[in-house]
N, C-alpha and C. Protein backbone atom coordinates (compact mmCIF):
# COMPACT_ATOMS: atom_id res chain seq x y z
N GLN A 1 -18.90 5.90 -8.63
CA GLN A 1 -18.36 4.64 -8.18
C GLN A 1 -16.82 4.81 -7.79
N VAL A 2 -16.50 4.31 -6.57
CA VAL A 2 -15.13 4.51 -6.10
C VAL A 2 -14.35 3.26 -6.62
N GLN A 3 -13.18 3.48 -7.20
CA GLN A 3 -12.28 2.39 -7.50
C GLN A 3 -10.88 2.73 -7.10
N LEU A 4 -10.17 1.74 -6.49
CA LEU A 4 -8.73 1.80 -6.14
C LEU A 4 -8.09 0.72 -7.02
N VAL A 5 -7.12 1.00 -7.77
CA VAL A 5 -6.45 0.07 -8.67
C VAL A 5 -5.03 0.02 -8.36
N GLU A 6 -4.54 -1.19 -7.82
CA GLU A 6 -3.16 -1.34 -7.62
C GLU A 6 -2.36 -1.73 -8.86
N SER A 7 -1.07 -1.41 -8.91
CA SER A 7 -0.22 -1.93 -9.93
C SER A 7 1.20 -1.91 -9.37
N GLY A 8 2.05 -2.63 -10.11
CA GLY A 8 3.49 -2.60 -9.78
C GLY A 8 4.02 -3.80 -9.01
N GLY A 9 3.14 -4.77 -8.77
CA GLY A 9 3.57 -5.91 -8.11
C GLY A 9 4.39 -6.85 -9.04
N GLY A 10 4.89 -7.85 -8.47
CA GLY A 10 5.76 -8.82 -9.36
C GLY A 10 6.68 -9.61 -8.49
N LEU A 11 7.58 -10.32 -9.30
CA LEU A 11 8.52 -11.20 -8.62
C LEU A 11 9.90 -10.47 -8.59
N VAL A 12 10.59 -10.50 -7.43
CA VAL A 12 11.88 -9.87 -7.25
C VAL A 12 12.76 -10.76 -6.32
N GLN A 13 14.06 -10.64 -6.50
CA GLN A 13 14.86 -11.40 -5.70
C GLN A 13 15.10 -10.63 -4.34
N SER A 14 15.50 -11.45 -3.35
CA SER A 14 15.75 -10.89 -2.04
C SER A 14 16.79 -9.75 -2.14
N GLY A 15 16.40 -8.58 -1.40
CA GLY A 15 17.31 -7.45 -1.51
C GLY A 15 16.87 -6.50 -2.58
N GLY A 16 15.93 -6.81 -3.45
CA GLY A 16 15.50 -5.97 -4.55
C GLY A 16 14.47 -4.97 -4.13
N SER A 17 13.91 -4.25 -5.09
CA SER A 17 12.95 -3.22 -4.83
C SER A 17 11.76 -3.32 -5.80
N LEU A 18 10.67 -2.84 -5.31
CA LEU A 18 9.47 -2.67 -6.11
C LEU A 18 8.77 -1.39 -5.71
N ARG A 19 7.97 -0.90 -6.52
CA ARG A 19 7.11 0.29 -6.19
C ARG A 19 5.69 -0.05 -6.57
N LEU A 20 4.78 -0.03 -5.57
CA LEU A 20 3.44 -0.29 -5.92
C LEU A 20 2.73 1.06 -6.01
N SER A 21 1.74 1.09 -6.86
CA SER A 21 0.98 2.30 -7.11
C SER A 21 -0.52 1.92 -6.81
N CYS A 22 -1.25 2.99 -6.33
CA CYS A 22 -2.77 2.75 -6.07
C CYS A 22 -3.39 4.02 -6.57
N ALA A 23 -4.05 3.88 -7.73
CA ALA A 23 -4.72 5.03 -8.37
C ALA A 23 -6.22 5.03 -8.02
N ALA A 24 -6.67 6.22 -7.54
CA ALA A 24 -8.10 6.30 -7.12
C ALA A 24 -8.91 6.98 -8.15
N SER A 25 -10.20 6.59 -8.21
CA SER A 25 -11.18 7.25 -9.00
C SER A 25 -12.43 7.38 -8.20
N GLY A 26 -13.20 8.42 -8.29
CA GLY A 26 -14.45 8.61 -7.63
C GLY A 26 -14.23 9.24 -6.27
N ILE A 27 -13.12 9.41 -5.80
CA ILE A 27 -12.80 10.12 -4.55
C ILE A 27 -11.65 10.99 -4.86
N ILE A 28 -11.47 11.96 -3.85
CA ILE A 28 -10.24 12.82 -3.92
C ILE A 28 -9.37 12.14 -2.83
N PHE A 29 -8.35 11.46 -3.27
CA PHE A 29 -7.55 10.58 -2.40
C PHE A 29 -6.88 11.27 -1.23
N SER A 30 -6.63 12.57 -1.46
CA SER A 30 -5.85 13.39 -0.50
C SER A 30 -6.74 13.69 0.75
N THR A 31 -8.06 13.57 0.58
CA THR A 31 -8.99 13.77 1.73
C THR A 31 -9.18 12.55 2.57
N TYR A 32 -8.60 11.52 2.26
CA TYR A 32 -8.71 10.21 3.00
C TYR A 32 -7.31 9.82 3.59
N THR A 33 -7.35 9.00 4.64
CA THR A 33 -6.07 8.27 5.03
C THR A 33 -5.90 7.14 4.04
N ALA A 34 -4.78 7.10 3.44
CA ALA A 34 -4.44 5.95 2.55
C ALA A 34 -3.52 4.97 3.33
N GLY A 35 -3.83 3.71 3.06
CA GLY A 35 -3.09 2.73 3.75
C GLY A 35 -2.78 1.54 2.79
N TRP A 36 -1.69 0.85 3.12
CA TRP A 36 -1.27 -0.37 2.48
C TRP A 36 -1.34 -1.44 3.53
N TYR A 37 -1.98 -2.58 3.13
CA TYR A 37 -2.00 -3.81 3.94
C TYR A 37 -1.53 -4.91 3.12
N ARG A 38 -1.20 -6.09 3.77
CA ARG A 38 -0.76 -7.18 3.07
C ARG A 38 -1.32 -8.45 3.74
N GLN A 39 -1.42 -9.49 2.91
CA GLN A 39 -1.96 -10.79 3.44
C GLN A 39 -1.15 -11.88 2.81
N ALA A 40 -0.44 -12.58 3.59
CA ALA A 40 0.31 -13.83 3.14
C ALA A 40 -0.57 -14.99 3.17
N PRO A 41 -0.29 -15.98 2.36
CA PRO A 41 -1.04 -17.21 2.37
C PRO A 41 -1.25 -17.84 3.85
N GLY A 42 -2.45 -18.06 4.24
CA GLY A 42 -2.72 -18.69 5.52
C GLY A 42 -2.62 -17.72 6.72
N LYS A 43 -2.40 -16.46 6.47
CA LYS A 43 -2.28 -15.54 7.53
C LYS A 43 -3.42 -14.43 7.33
N GLN A 44 -3.55 -13.61 8.48
CA GLN A 44 -4.49 -12.58 8.40
C GLN A 44 -3.92 -11.37 7.72
N ARG A 45 -4.78 -10.57 7.18
CA ARG A 45 -4.35 -9.29 6.52
C ARG A 45 -3.77 -8.36 7.64
N GLU A 46 -2.60 -7.81 7.37
CA GLU A 46 -2.00 -6.92 8.42
C GLU A 46 -1.63 -5.58 7.80
N PRO A 47 -1.73 -4.48 8.54
CA PRO A 47 -1.40 -3.17 8.09
C PRO A 47 0.11 -3.01 7.87
N VAL A 48 0.41 -2.30 6.97
CA VAL A 48 1.94 -2.05 6.55
C VAL A 48 2.34 -0.61 6.70
N ALA A 49 1.53 0.29 6.19
CA ALA A 49 1.91 1.66 6.16
C ALA A 49 0.73 2.57 5.92
N PHE A 50 0.76 3.80 6.49
CA PHE A 50 -0.46 4.72 6.37
C PHE A 50 0.19 6.11 6.06
N ILE A 51 -0.66 6.91 5.40
CA ILE A 51 -0.35 8.36 5.23
C ILE A 51 -1.70 9.05 5.41
N ASN A 52 -1.78 10.03 6.28
CA ASN A 52 -2.98 10.71 6.56
C ASN A 52 -3.07 12.03 5.75
N ARG A 53 -4.21 12.73 6.06
CA ARG A 53 -4.46 13.91 5.15
C ARG A 53 -3.36 15.02 5.33
N ALA A 54 -2.71 14.97 6.48
CA ALA A 54 -1.65 15.93 6.77
C ALA A 54 -0.25 15.35 6.23
N ASP A 55 -0.36 14.22 5.56
CA ASP A 55 0.88 13.57 5.00
C ASP A 55 1.80 13.08 6.15
N SER A 56 1.23 12.82 7.28
CA SER A 56 2.03 12.13 8.36
C SER A 56 1.96 10.64 8.04
N THR A 57 3.08 10.01 8.16
CA THR A 57 3.17 8.61 7.83
C THR A 57 3.44 7.74 9.07
N SER A 58 3.08 6.48 8.96
CA SER A 58 3.37 5.48 10.00
C SER A 58 3.59 4.10 9.30
N TYR A 59 4.42 3.24 10.03
CA TYR A 59 4.69 1.97 9.45
C TYR A 59 4.77 0.85 10.53
N VAL A 60 4.48 -0.30 10.08
CA VAL A 60 4.63 -1.50 10.95
C VAL A 60 6.09 -1.59 11.17
N ASP A 61 6.49 -2.10 12.33
CA ASP A 61 7.95 -2.14 12.70
C ASP A 61 8.76 -2.98 11.63
N SER A 62 8.16 -4.11 11.10
CA SER A 62 8.90 -4.94 10.23
C SER A 62 9.37 -4.31 8.90
N VAL A 63 8.73 -3.12 8.61
CA VAL A 63 9.08 -2.51 7.29
C VAL A 63 9.73 -1.14 7.51
N LYS A 64 9.87 -0.67 8.66
CA LYS A 64 10.44 0.60 8.97
C LYS A 64 11.90 0.68 8.46
N GLY A 65 12.14 1.79 7.75
CA GLY A 65 13.45 1.96 7.18
C GLY A 65 13.68 1.33 5.81
N ARG A 66 12.71 0.52 5.39
CA ARG A 66 12.75 -0.21 4.08
C ARG A 66 11.67 0.29 3.14
N PHE A 67 10.44 0.50 3.68
CA PHE A 67 9.28 0.94 2.89
C PHE A 67 9.02 2.40 3.05
N THR A 68 8.48 3.02 2.05
CA THR A 68 8.15 4.53 2.13
C THR A 68 6.83 4.63 1.38
N ILE A 69 5.87 5.14 2.11
CA ILE A 69 4.51 5.48 1.54
C ILE A 69 4.49 6.98 1.16
N SER A 70 3.89 7.34 0.00
CA SER A 70 3.88 8.65 -0.38
C SER A 70 2.62 8.90 -1.29
N ARG A 71 2.31 10.20 -1.56
CA ARG A 71 1.19 10.51 -2.46
C ARG A 71 1.64 11.46 -3.59
N ASP A 72 0.91 11.33 -4.65
CA ASP A 72 0.95 12.31 -5.70
C ASP A 72 -0.50 12.86 -5.93
N ASN A 73 -0.78 13.99 -5.30
CA ASN A 73 -2.23 14.38 -5.37
C ASN A 73 -2.62 14.75 -6.74
N ALA A 74 -1.74 15.28 -7.52
CA ALA A 74 -2.15 15.60 -8.93
C ALA A 74 -2.56 14.34 -9.72
N LYS A 75 -2.01 13.27 -9.31
CA LYS A 75 -2.36 11.98 -10.00
C LYS A 75 -3.39 11.16 -9.16
N ASN A 76 -3.84 11.66 -8.00
CA ASN A 76 -4.75 11.05 -7.11
C ASN A 76 -4.29 9.57 -6.88
N THR A 77 -2.95 9.43 -6.59
CA THR A 77 -2.34 8.17 -6.55
C THR A 77 -1.54 8.10 -5.25
N VAL A 78 -1.46 6.91 -4.64
CA VAL A 78 -0.55 6.68 -3.49
C VAL A 78 0.37 5.57 -3.85
N PHE A 79 1.62 5.65 -3.34
CA PHE A 79 2.66 4.75 -3.69
C PHE A 79 3.19 4.05 -2.44
N LEU A 80 3.78 2.87 -2.73
CA LEU A 80 4.54 2.21 -1.59
C LEU A 80 5.88 1.78 -2.24
N GLN A 81 6.94 2.48 -1.89
CA GLN A 81 8.26 2.13 -2.37
C GLN A 81 8.85 1.06 -1.40
N MET A 82 9.20 -0.07 -1.98
CA MET A 82 9.68 -1.18 -1.11
C MET A 82 11.10 -1.53 -1.46
N ASN A 83 12.00 -1.30 -0.61
CA ASN A 83 13.47 -1.51 -0.75
C ASN A 83 13.90 -2.72 0.12
N SER A 84 15.01 -3.27 -0.18
CA SER A 84 15.65 -4.31 0.72
C SER A 84 14.60 -5.39 0.93
N LEU A 85 13.91 -5.81 -0.08
CA LEU A 85 12.83 -6.82 0.19
C LEU A 85 13.35 -8.14 0.62
N LYS A 86 12.54 -8.77 1.45
CA LYS A 86 12.90 -10.05 2.06
C LYS A 86 11.84 -11.05 1.67
N PRO A 87 12.10 -12.39 1.70
CA PRO A 87 11.08 -13.37 1.33
C PRO A 87 9.84 -13.24 2.28
N GLU A 88 10.02 -12.82 3.46
CA GLU A 88 8.78 -12.71 4.40
C GLU A 88 7.92 -11.54 3.96
N ASP A 89 8.36 -10.73 3.07
CA ASP A 89 7.52 -9.62 2.47
C ASP A 89 6.53 -10.20 1.46
N THR A 90 6.70 -11.41 1.03
CA THR A 90 5.83 -12.02 0.04
C THR A 90 4.33 -12.03 0.50
N ALA A 91 3.45 -11.45 -0.31
CA ALA A 91 2.09 -11.31 0.05
C ALA A 91 1.31 -10.66 -0.98
N THR A 92 -0.04 -10.63 -0.92
CA THR A 92 -0.86 -9.80 -1.67
C THR A 92 -0.96 -8.52 -0.97
N TYR A 93 -0.65 -7.42 -1.71
CA TYR A 93 -0.70 -6.02 -1.00
C TYR A 93 -1.95 -5.38 -1.51
N TYR A 94 -2.74 -4.76 -0.50
CA TYR A 94 -3.93 -4.10 -0.85
C TYR A 94 -3.79 -2.54 -0.40
N CYS A 95 -4.32 -1.72 -1.23
CA CYS A 95 -4.35 -0.28 -0.74
C CYS A 95 -5.83 -0.04 -0.26
N SER A 96 -5.89 0.90 0.60
CA SER A 96 -7.20 1.31 1.18
C SER A 96 -7.28 2.89 1.24
N ALA A 97 -8.50 3.37 1.25
CA ALA A 97 -8.80 4.80 1.58
C ALA A 97 -9.82 4.79 2.59
N ALA A 98 -9.64 5.50 3.65
CA ALA A 98 -10.52 5.54 4.83
C ALA A 98 -10.72 6.94 5.29
N ARG A 99 -12.01 7.17 5.74
CA ARG A 99 -12.27 8.49 6.28
C ARG A 99 -13.26 8.13 7.45
N LEU A 100 -12.82 8.32 8.70
CA LEU A 100 -13.53 7.84 9.86
C LEU A 100 -14.78 8.71 10.05
N ILE A 101 -14.69 10.07 9.77
CA ILE A 101 -15.81 10.96 10.04
C ILE A 101 -17.06 10.59 9.21
N THR A 102 -16.88 9.99 8.05
CA THR A 102 -18.01 9.60 7.20
C THR A 102 -18.05 8.12 7.17
N ARG A 103 -17.25 7.38 7.98
CA ARG A 103 -17.30 5.92 8.07
C ARG A 103 -17.13 5.22 6.62
N GLU A 104 -16.28 5.80 5.87
CA GLU A 104 -16.09 5.22 4.52
C GLU A 104 -14.75 4.46 4.50
N THR A 105 -14.73 3.34 3.87
CA THR A 105 -13.47 2.58 3.64
C THR A 105 -13.66 1.84 2.27
N TYR A 106 -12.57 2.08 1.54
CA TYR A 106 -12.53 1.45 0.22
C TYR A 106 -11.29 0.62 0.06
N TRP A 107 -11.39 -0.45 -0.77
CA TRP A 107 -10.24 -1.33 -0.92
C TRP A 107 -9.85 -1.52 -2.40
N GLY A 108 -8.66 -1.69 -2.73
CA GLY A 108 -8.27 -2.15 -4.05
C GLY A 108 -8.37 -3.65 -4.15
N GLN A 109 -8.01 -4.12 -5.30
CA GLN A 109 -8.24 -5.58 -5.63
C GLN A 109 -6.98 -6.48 -5.25
N GLY A 110 -5.91 -5.76 -4.96
CA GLY A 110 -4.67 -6.44 -4.56
C GLY A 110 -3.60 -6.63 -5.58
N ALA A 111 -2.39 -6.59 -5.22
CA ALA A 111 -1.23 -6.70 -6.15
C ALA A 111 -0.29 -7.75 -5.42
N GLN A 112 0.10 -8.73 -6.23
CA GLN A 112 0.90 -9.82 -5.68
C GLN A 112 2.42 -9.45 -5.75
N VAL A 113 3.03 -9.56 -4.57
CA VAL A 113 4.48 -9.34 -4.47
C VAL A 113 5.14 -10.64 -4.00
N THR A 114 6.12 -11.11 -4.73
CA THR A 114 6.79 -12.36 -4.44
C THR A 114 8.28 -12.07 -4.34
N VAL A 115 8.88 -12.39 -3.25
CA VAL A 115 10.32 -12.14 -3.14
C VAL A 115 11.01 -13.54 -2.91
N SER A 116 11.89 -13.79 -3.80
CA SER A 116 12.61 -15.11 -3.85
C SER A 116 13.84 -15.03 -3.08
N SER A 117 14.27 -16.09 -2.48
CA SER A 117 15.46 -16.03 -1.67
C SER A 117 16.70 -16.38 -2.51
């Protein structure tokens, strides 16, 4: 059974930092493209950052220069370091693991991030 478990969310003031973690079990995370998405109340889920099997990263424009996605393969875990947080970053953040060739996609349960102004 595949599980992705997020942790590290919380309440932070504007300009602060948080680091989200996503620990995988049941898969070798490094063989998947890992992604972070977020969903604010009343809005659609949107992609935030990705890291592929070659450790190439990509980000949505609104977080470039502030967020960093990374992996620790020994811990089978992906991270999202979030700096210079803004109130508009407030959302539930979800991690994902995807592999197109086998049409697999897995999701975590979500971690709440709230940024106060």
